[in-house]
Amino acid sequence: MIRPTVGWLLALAVLPAVVVGQTTASATSKKTVKVPDVPSEPLAEPGVTLFEDSFQRDGLGEWKVVIPAFEVKDGVLVGHQGRDDHGAVGRSYRDMKDVVVDFRFRLEGSTTFNVVFDDKGYKGSHAGHICRIAFTPRAIRLGDDKEGVMRNDIFEMRRDPDRRAEADLLLAGRGSSAPFELQQRKWYDVRIELVGDRMRVLIDGRPIGFLKSPGLAHATKTSLHFTVNGPGVHFDDVHICQAK
């Protein structure tokens, strides 16, 4: 049986189930928080291309399968969970800081996947995770991993039931969530704008999610990867550009 990993469950559990633009209770604490509206104007425009892939070939090319399984098939990148202790991880290594990322995806049985920015040289967070966007059946969740759930001390605290509430207090403002219902076998266009301590996510040209949190401004991101749990997600037309 395929099971979500501890890290995956922790990340989803603490990204707050809040509605953008409304005052509501956050899942990360008992306090009421005001989540800012999603900016209508871009945080940045695409500049110099750092990486692009339309998968018009056989073989993975520059993509590295950290945890199986990913393959290029019929002109798309196909990810599906190949072992039961961790989601599949397919990674592109590029040094980056402020970027605009575009890609398309289609759910093929999976209900959730993550887009994650890491710094392989950073030791202050679990696996060097810096920030992420989690795509779930009814919400898009943005998270600051560096100063949030993946920060080493918080990560360990949350694994201890006696310290979980204490850890939750440290997570205020480190994540946001916006309602969005994903359908199976439908292509979606995604844009991620990551500039300084701000991140904005658009789906099919519509601004959906926004987060402002200090860990996002980490000076060095060395890779972007997809984490896929479940039967499958297809990806296509991945572009990573410097923000301008």
C-alpha atoms as a PDB file:
ATOM      1  CA  MET A   1       0.000   0.000   0.000  1.00  0.00           C
ATOM      2  CA  ILE A   2       1.337   3.462  -0.960  1.00  0.00           C
ATOM      3  CA  ARG A   3       1.448   5.746   2.068  1.00  0.00           C
ATOM      4  CA  PRO A   4       2.260   9.465   2.343  1.00  0.00           C
ATOM      5  CA  THR A   5       5.552  10.206   4.086  1.00  0.00           C
ATOM      6  CA  VAL A   6       6.009  11.855   7.477  1.00  0.00           C
ATOM      7  CA  GLY A   7       7.462  14.984   5.895  1.00  0.00           C
ATOM      8  CA  TRP A   8       4.630  15.203   3.390  1.00  0.00           C
ATOM      9  CA  LEU A   9       1.985  14.825   6.095  1.00  0.00           C
ATOM     10  CA  LEU A  10       3.664  17.424   8.287  1.00  0.00           C
ATOM     11  CA  ALA A  11       3.838  19.896   5.418  1.00  0.00           C
ATOM     12  CA  LEU A  12       0.171  19.503   4.546  1.00  0.00           C
ATOM     13  CA  ALA A  13      -0.954  19.467   8.158  1.00  0.00           C
ATOM     14  CA  VAL A  14       0.507  22.829   9.065  1.00  0.00           C
ATOM     15  CA  LEU A  15      -0.132  24.835   5.928  1.00  0.00           C
ATOM     16  CA  PRO A  16      -3.207  26.730   7.098  1.00  0.00           C
ATOM     17  CA  ALA A  17      -6.618  25.990   5.709  1.00  0.00           C
ATOM     18  CA  VAL A  18      -7.492  29.647   5.365  1.00  0.00           C
ATOM     19  CA  VAL A  19      -9.245  31.615   2.670  1.00  0.00           C
ATOM     20  CA  VAL A  20      -7.300  34.355   0.951  1.00  0.00           C
ATOM     21  CA  GLY A  21      -8.670  37.801   1.683  1.00  0.00           C
ATOM     22  CA  GLN A  22     -10.709  36.763   4.717  1.00  0.00           C
ATOM     23  CA  THR A  23     -10.140  36.789   8.449  1.00  0.00           C
ATOM     24  CA  THR A  24     -10.330  33.227   9.687  1.00  0.00           C
ATOM     25  CA  ALA A  25      -8.779  30.715  12.062  1.00  0.00           C
ATOM     26  CA  SER A  26      -5.437  29.295  10.973  1.00  0.00           C
ATOM     27  CA  ALA A  27      -4.648  25.609  11.203  1.00  0.00           C
ATOM     28  CA  THR A  28      -1.168  26.557  12.388  1.00  0.00           C
ATOM     29  CA  SER A  29      -2.379  28.190  15.584  1.00  0.00           C
ATOM     30  CA  LYS A  30      -5.468  28.990  17.602  1.00  0.00           C
ATOM     31  CA  LYS A  31      -5.205  32.663  16.737  1.00  0.00           C
ATOM     32  CA  THR A  32      -7.268  34.445  14.118  1.00  0.00           C
ATOM     33  CA  VAL A  33      -5.172  35.661  11.202  1.00  0.00           C
ATOM     34  CA  LYS A  34      -5.747  37.964   8.244  1.00  0.00           C
ATOM     35  CA  VAL A  35      -4.384  36.520   5.034  1.00  0.00           C
ATOM     36  CA  PRO A  36      -3.546  39.215   2.468  1.00  0.00           C
ATOM     37  CA  ASP A  37      -5.309  39.317  -0.865  1.00  0.00           C
ATOM     38  CA  VAL A  38      -3.406  37.987  -3.846  1.00  0.00           C
ATOM     39  CA  PRO A  39      -1.756  40.906  -5.676  1.00  0.00           C
ATOM     40  CA  SER A  40      -3.367  41.522  -9.041  1.00  0.00           C
ATOM     41  CA  GLU A  41      -0.121  42.784 -10.570  1.00  0.00           C
ATOM     42  CA  PRO A  42       2.860  40.508 -11.261  1.00  0.00           C
ATOM     43  CA  LEU A  43       5.674  40.395  -8.728  1.00  0.00           C
ATOM     44  CA  ALA A  44       8.037  40.092 -11.710  1.00  0.00           C
ATOM     45  CA  GLU A  45       8.196  39.210 -15.389  1.00  0.00           C
ATOM     46  CA  PRO A  46      10.227  36.365 -16.931  1.00  0.00           C
ATOM     47  CA  GLY A  47      13.785  37.370 -17.768  1.00  0.00           C
ATOM     48  CA  VAL A  48      16.733  35.234 -18.818  1.00  0.00           C
ATOM     49  CA  THR A  49      15.828  31.569 -19.255  1.00  0.00           C
ATOM     50  CA  LEU A  50      17.628  29.302 -16.785  1.00  0.00           C
ATOM     51  CA  PHE A  51      15.961  26.043 -17.790  1.00  0.00           C
ATOM     52  CA  GLU A  52      13.272  24.858 -20.182  1.00  0.00           C
ATOM     53  CA  ASP A  53      11.941  21.474 -21.194  1.00  0.00           C
ATOM     54  CA  SER A  54       9.056  20.438 -23.446  1.00  0.00           C
ATOM     55  CA  PHE A  55       9.977  16.711 -23.225  1.00  0.00           C
ATOM     56  CA  GLN A  56      10.039  16.123 -26.974  1.00  0.00           C
ATOM     57  CA  ARG A  57      12.436  13.192 -26.716  1.00  0.00           C
ATOM     58  CA  ASP A  58      13.053   9.820 -25.159  1.00  0.00           C
ATOM     59  CA  GLY A  59      14.818   9.814 -21.805  1.00  0.00           C
ATOM     60  CA  LEU A  60      14.858  12.146 -18.829  1.00  0.00           C
ATOM     61  CA  GLY A  61      17.539  14.511 -20.083  1.00  0.00           C
ATOM     62  CA  GLU A  62      18.654  16.779 -17.239  1.00  0.00           C
ATOM     63  CA  TRP A  63      15.985  15.596 -14.811  1.00  0.00           C
ATOM     64  CA  LYS A  64      17.295  13.515 -11.927  1.00  0.00           C
ATOM     65  CA  VAL A  65      15.094  10.874 -10.353  1.00  0.00           C
ATOM     66  CA  VAL A  66      15.899  11.144  -6.658  1.00  0.00           C
ATOM     67  CA  ILE A  67      13.101   8.782  -5.641  1.00  0.00           C
ATOM     68  CA  PRO A  68      11.230   6.708  -8.260  1.00  0.00           C
ATOM     69  CA  ALA A  69       9.436   6.910 -10.468  1.00  0.00           C
ATOM     70  CA  PHE A  70       9.663   9.496 -13.265  1.00  0.00           C
ATOM     71  CA  GLU A  71       9.926   8.943 -17.006  1.00  0.00           C
ATOM     72  CA  VAL A  72       9.421  10.853 -20.236  1.00  0.00           C
ATOM     73  CA  LYS A  73       6.615   9.282 -22.231  1.00  0.00           C
ATOM     74  CA  ASP A  74       4.550  10.559 -25.161  1.00  0.00           C
ATOM     75  CA  GLY A  75       5.998  14.052 -24.879  1.00  0.00           C
ATOM     76  CA  VAL A  76       5.383  14.631 -21.151  1.00  0.00           C
ATOM     77  CA  LEU A  77       7.143  14.016 -17.834  1.00  0.00           C
ATOM     78  CA  VAL A  78       5.254  11.292 -15.974  1.00  0.00           C
ATOM     79  CA  GLY A  79       5.611  10.973 -12.208  1.00  0.00           C
ATOM     80  CA  HIS A  80       4.090   8.281 -10.011  1.00  0.00           C
ATOM     81  CA  GLN A  81       4.889   6.996  -6.546  1.00  0.00           C
ATOM     82  CA  GLY A  82       7.153   3.976  -6.887  1.00  0.00           C
ATOM     83  CA  ARG A  83       7.692   3.045  -3.257  1.00  0.00           C
ATOM     84  CA  ASP A  84       5.475   3.255  -0.220  1.00  0.00           C
ATOM     85  CA  ASP A  85       7.720   5.236   2.137  1.00  0.00           C
ATOM     86  CA  HIS A  86       8.112   8.415   0.049  1.00  0.00           C
ATOM     87  CA  GLY A  87       6.569  10.198  -2.894  1.00  0.00           C
ATOM     88  CA  ALA A  88       8.391  10.204  -6.222  1.00  0.00           C
ATOM     89  CA  VAL A  89      10.907  13.060  -6.557  1.00  0.00           C
ATOM     90  CA  GLY A  90      12.048  14.379  -9.947  1.00  0.00           C
ATOM     91  CA  ARG A  91      14.532  17.251  -9.738  1.00  0.00           C
ATOM     92  CA  SER A  92      16.075  19.884 -11.987  1.00  0.00           C
ATOM     93  CA  TYR A  93      19.309  21.401 -10.671  1.00  0.00           C
ATOM     94  CA  ARG A  94      19.741  25.111 -11.334  1.00  0.00           C
ATOM     95  CA  ASP A  95      21.173  27.886  -9.170  1.00  0.00           C
ATOM     96  CA  MET A  96      18.473  30.507  -8.731  1.00  0.00           C
ATOM     97  CA  LYS A  97      17.114  33.117  -6.361  1.00  0.00           C
ATOM     98  CA  ASP A  98      14.273  35.261  -7.717  1.00  0.00           C
ATOM     99  CA  VAL A  99      12.492  33.379 -10.495  1.00  0.00           C
ATOM    100  CA  VAL A 100       9.358  33.014 -12.575  1.00  0.00           C
ATOM    101  CA  VAL A 101       8.444  29.365 -13.139  1.00  0.00           C
ATOM    102  CA  ASP A 102       5.877  28.146 -15.659  1.00  0.00           C
ATOM    103  CA  PHE A 103       4.657  24.598 -16.231  1.00  0.00           C
ATOM    104  CA  ARG A 104       1.578  22.581 -17.118  1.00  0.00           C
ATOM    105  CA  PHE A 105       0.210  19.595 -15.249  1.00  0.00           C
ATOM    106  CA  ARG A 106      -2.562  17.036 -15.452  1.00  0.00           C
ATOM    107  CA  LEU A 107      -3.653  14.726 -12.650  1.00  0.00           C
ATOM    108  CA  GLU A 108      -3.721  11.091 -13.743  1.00  0.00           C
ATOM    109  CA  GLY A 109      -5.030   9.438 -10.602  1.00  0.00           C
ATOM    110  CA  SER A 110      -2.981  11.336  -8.025  1.00  0.00           C
ATOM    111  CA  THR A 111      -4.790  13.916  -5.920  1.00  0.00           C
ATOM    112  CA  THR A 112      -1.777  15.787  -4.526  1.00  0.00           C
ATOM    113  CA  PHE A 113       1.703  16.870  -5.552  1.00  0.00           C
ATOM    114  CA  ASN A 114       4.270  19.455  -4.449  1.00  0.00           C
ATOM    115  CA  VAL A 115       6.559  21.890  -6.225  1.00  0.00           C
ATOM    116  CA  VAL A 116       9.577  22.421  -3.970  1.00  0.00           C
ATOM    117  CA  PHE A 117      12.570  24.769  -4.029  1.00  0.00           C
ATOM    118  CA  ASP A 118      15.651  23.476  -2.182  1.00  0.00           C
ATOM    119  CA  ASP A 119      19.197  24.504  -1.334  1.00  0.00           C
ATOM    120  CA  LYS A 120      21.347  21.379  -1.147  1.00  0.00           C
ATOM    121  CA  GLY A 121      23.996  23.235   0.870  1.00  0.00           C
ATOM    122  CA  TYR A 122      21.623  24.596   3.518  1.00  0.00           C
ATOM    123  CA  LYS A 123      21.621  22.603   6.767  1.00  0.00           C
ATOM    124  CA  GLY A 124      19.093  24.611   8.766  1.00  0.00           C
ATOM    125  CA  SER A 125      16.020  22.842   7.406  1.00  0.00           C
ATOM    126  CA  HIS A 126      15.048  19.247   6.749  1.00  0.00           C
ATOM    127  CA  ALA A 127      16.627  18.153   3.416  1.00  0.00           C
ATOM    128  CA  GLY A 128      17.486  21.765   2.603  1.00  0.00           C
ATOM    129  CA  HIS A 129      13.851  22.607   1.822  1.00  0.00           C
ATOM    130  CA  ILE A 130      13.279  26.343   1.317  1.00  0.00           C
ATOM    131  CA  CYS A 131       9.677  26.728   0.123  1.00  0.00           C
ATOM    132  CA  ARG A 132       6.883  24.840  -1.606  1.00  0.00           C
ATOM    133  CA  ILE A 133       3.504  24.915  -3.252  1.00  0.00           C
ATOM    134  CA  ALA A 134       1.196  21.987  -2.480  1.00  0.00           C
ATOM    135  CA  PHE A 135      -1.572  21.193  -4.952  1.00  0.00           C
ATOM    136  CA  THR A 136      -4.411  19.388  -3.172  1.00  0.00           C
ATOM    137  CA  PRO A 137      -7.945  18.430  -4.247  1.00  0.00           C
ATOM    138  CA  ARG A 138      -9.583  21.586  -2.916  1.00  0.00           C
ATOM    139  CA  ALA A 139      -6.786  24.042  -2.148  1.00  0.00           C
ATOM    140  CA  ILE A 140      -3.455  25.430  -3.255  1.00  0.00           C
ATOM    141  CA  ARG A 141      -1.124  25.819  -0.267  1.00  0.00           C
ATOM    142  CA  LEU A 142       2.023  27.925  -0.135  1.00  0.00           C
ATOM    143  CA  GLY A 143       4.645  27.241   2.516  1.00  0.00           C
ATOM    144  CA  ASP A 144       7.857  28.745   3.858  1.00  0.00           C
ATOM    145  CA  ASP A 145       9.831  25.596   4.662  1.00  0.00           C
ATOM    146  CA  LYS A 146      13.033  27.325   5.760  1.00  0.00           C
ATOM    147  CA  GLU A 147      11.406  29.228   8.634  1.00  0.00           C
ATOM    148  CA  GLY A 148       8.360  27.000   8.922  1.00  0.00           C
ATOM    149  CA  VAL A 149       7.508  23.330   9.161  1.00  0.00           C
ATOM    150  CA  MET A 150      10.817  22.067   7.750  1.00  0.00           C
ATOM    151  CA  ARG A 151      13.066  24.202   9.974  1.00  0.00           C
ATOM    152  CA  ASN A 152      15.091  21.682  11.936  1.00  0.00           C
ATOM    153  CA  ASP A 153      13.899  22.583  15.413  1.00  0.00           C
ATOM    154  CA  ILE A 154      10.245  22.866  14.387  1.00  0.00           C
ATOM    155  CA  PHE A 155      10.412  19.658  12.350  1.00  0.00           C
ATOM    156  CA  GLU A 156      11.664  17.730  15.385  1.00  0.00           C
ATOM    157  CA  MET A 157       9.217  19.403  17.754  1.00  0.00           C
ATOM    158  CA  ARG A 158       6.269  18.411  15.588  1.00  0.00           C
ATOM    159  CA  ARG A 159       7.318  14.776  15.702  1.00  0.00           C
ATOM    160  CA  ASP A 160       6.939  14.891  19.497  1.00  0.00           C
ATOM    161  CA  PRO A 161       3.223  14.891  20.459  1.00  0.00           C
ATOM    162  CA  ASP A 162       4.053  16.684  23.704  1.00  0.00           C
ATOM    163  CA  ARG A 163       5.632  19.634  21.838  1.00  0.00           C
ATOM    164  CA  ARG A 164       3.321  19.846  18.843  1.00  0.00           C
ATOM    165  CA  ALA A 165       1.261  22.751  20.196  1.00  0.00           C
ATOM    166  CA  GLU A 166       4.444  24.636  21.063  1.00  0.00           C
ATOM    167  CA  ALA A 167       5.708  24.126  17.529  1.00  0.00           C
ATOM    168  CA  ASP A 168       2.429  25.298  16.033  1.00  0.00           C
ATOM    169  CA  LEU A 169       2.846  28.679  17.707  1.00  0.00           C
ATOM    170  CA  LEU A 170       6.071  29.182  15.750  1.00  0.00           C
ATOM    171  CA  LEU A 171       4.320  28.609  12.425  1.00  0.00           C
ATOM    172  CA  ALA A 172       2.041  31.642  12.366  1.00  0.00           C
ATOM    173  CA  GLY A 173       2.412  33.427   9.049  1.00  0.00           C
ATOM    174  CA  ARG A 174       4.611  30.738   7.496  1.00  0.00           C
ATOM    175  CA  GLY A 175       1.944  29.404   5.144  1.00  0.00           C
ATOM    176  CA  SER A 176      -1.212  30.354   3.290  1.00  0.00           C
ATOM    177  CA  SER A 177      -3.956  28.513   1.469  1.00  0.00           C
ATOM    178  CA  ALA A 178      -6.507  29.369  -1.195  1.00  0.00           C
ATOM    179  CA  PRO A 179      -9.517  27.339  -2.322  1.00  0.00           C
ATOM    180  CA  PHE A 180      -9.205  25.742  -5.734  1.00  0.00           C
ATOM    181  CA  GLU A 181     -10.782  22.497  -6.921  1.00  0.00           C
ATOM    182  CA  LEU A 182      -8.613  20.363  -9.169  1.00  0.00           C
ATOM    183  CA  GLN A 183     -10.111  17.986 -11.690  1.00  0.00           C
ATOM    184  CA  GLN A 184      -8.626  14.758 -12.955  1.00  0.00           C
ATOM    185  CA  ARG A 185      -7.318  14.498 -16.524  1.00  0.00           C
ATOM    186  CA  LYS A 186      -7.494  18.210 -17.207  1.00  0.00           C
ATOM    187  CA  TRP A 187      -4.460  20.310 -18.137  1.00  0.00           C
ATOM    188  CA  TYR A 188      -3.703  23.343 -15.959  1.00  0.00           C
ATOM    189  CA  ASP A 189      -1.211  26.141 -16.647  1.00  0.00           C
ATOM    190  CA  VAL A 190       0.740  27.269 -13.573  1.00  0.00           C
ATOM    191  CA  ARG A 191       2.940  30.291 -12.978  1.00  0.00           C
ATOM    192  CA  ILE A 192       4.985  30.747  -9.794  1.00  0.00           C
ATOM    193  CA  GLU A 193       6.541  34.151  -9.102  1.00  0.00           C
ATOM    194  CA  LEU A 194       9.157  34.008  -6.347  1.00  0.00           C
ATOM    195  CA  VAL A 195      10.716  37.391  -5.592  1.00  0.00           C
ATOM    196  CA  GLY A 196      12.435  38.223  -2.306  1.00  0.00           C
ATOM    197  CA  ASP A 197      10.179  37.230   0.572  1.00  0.00           C
ATOM    198  CA  ARG A 198       7.049  37.025  -1.605  1.00  0.00           C
ATOM    199  CA  MET A 199       5.531  34.252  -3.685  1.00  0.00           C
ATOM    200  CA  ARG A 200       2.484  34.427  -5.958  1.00  0.00           C
ATOM    201  CA  VAL A 201       0.822  31.511  -7.760  1.00  0.00           C
ATOM    202  CA  LEU A 202      -1.428  31.725 -10.813  1.00  0.00           C
ATOM    203  CA  ILE A 203      -3.468  28.946 -12.404  1.00  0.00           C
ATOM    204  CA  ASP A 204      -4.695  29.401 -15.968  1.00  0.00           C
ATOM    205  CA  GLY A 205      -3.740  33.064 -15.719  1.00  0.00           C
ATOM    206  CA  ARG A 206      -5.786  33.677 -12.567  1.00  0.00           C
ATOM    207  CA  PRO A 207      -3.993  34.814  -9.379  1.00  0.00           C
ATOM    208  CA  ILE A 208      -4.747  32.123  -6.798  1.00  0.00           C
ATOM    209  CA  GLY A 209      -2.286  32.189  -3.896  1.00  0.00           C
ATOM    210  CA  PHE A 210       0.144  34.536  -2.175  1.00  0.00           C
ATOM    211  CA  LEU A 211       2.605  34.296   0.701  1.00  0.00           C
ATOM    212  CA  LYS A 212       4.989  36.790   2.260  1.00  0.00           C
ATOM    213  CA  SER A 213       7.424  35.127   4.662  1.00  0.00           C
ATOM    214  CA  PRO A 214      11.132  35.623   5.426  1.00  0.00           C
ATOM    215  CA  GLY A 215      12.393  32.188   4.424  1.00  0.00           C
ATOM    216  CA  LEU A 216      11.334  32.743   0.814  1.00  0.00           C
ATOM    217  CA  ALA A 217      14.129  35.307   0.439  1.00  0.00           C
ATOM    218  CA  HIS A 218      16.842  32.682   0.989  1.00  0.00           C
ATOM    219  CA  ALA A 219      19.638  33.779  -1.316  1.00  0.00           C
ATOM    220  CA  THR A 220      20.385  30.447  -2.961  1.00  0.00           C
ATOM    221  CA  LYS A 221      17.988  27.884  -4.329  1.00  0.00           C
ATOM    222  CA  THR A 222      19.875  25.107  -6.105  1.00  0.00           C
ATOM    223  CA  SER A 223      17.007  23.031  -7.455  1.00  0.00           C
ATOM    224  CA  LEU A 224      13.320  22.712  -8.178  1.00  0.00           C
ATOM    225  CA  HIS A 225      11.558  19.398  -7.920  1.00  0.00           C
ATOM    226  CA  PHE A 226       8.164  17.784  -8.213  1.00  0.00           C
ATOM    227  CA  THR A 227       7.040  15.369  -5.503  1.00  0.00           C
ATOM    228  CA  VAL A 228       4.219  13.080  -6.608  1.00  0.00           C
ATOM    229  CA  ASN A 229       2.177  10.891  -4.287  1.00  0.00           C
ATOM    230  CA  GLY A 230      -0.130   8.301  -5.783  1.00  0.00           C
ATOM    231  CA  PRO A 231      -0.804   6.872  -9.254  1.00  0.00           C
ATOM    232  CA  GLY A 232       0.343   9.718 -11.454  1.00  0.00           C
ATOM    233  CA  VAL A 233       0.764  13.339 -12.513  1.00  0.00           C
ATOM    234  CA  HIS A 234       1.844  14.488 -15.990  1.00  0.00           C
ATOM    235  CA  PHE A 235       3.993  17.611 -16.439  1.00  0.00           C
ATOM    236  CA  ASP A 236       4.904  19.564 -19.552  1.00  0.00           C
ATOM    237  CA  ASP A 237       6.444  22.816 -20.798  1.00  0.00           C
ATOM    238  CA  VAL A 238       8.578  23.617 -17.761  1.00  0.00           C
ATOM    239  CA  HIS A 239      10.288  27.023 -17.896  1.00  0.00           C
ATOM    240  CA  ILE A 240      12.439  28.581 -15.157  1.00  0.00           C
ATOM    241  CA  CYS A 241      13.420  32.200 -15.782  1.00  0.00           C
ATOM    242  CA  GLN A 242      15.221  34.826 -13.774  1.00  0.00           C
ATOM    243  CA  ALA A 243      12.752  37.368 -12.432  1.00  0.00           C
ATOM    244  CA  LYS A 244      13.024  40.874 -13.835  1.00  0.00           C
END
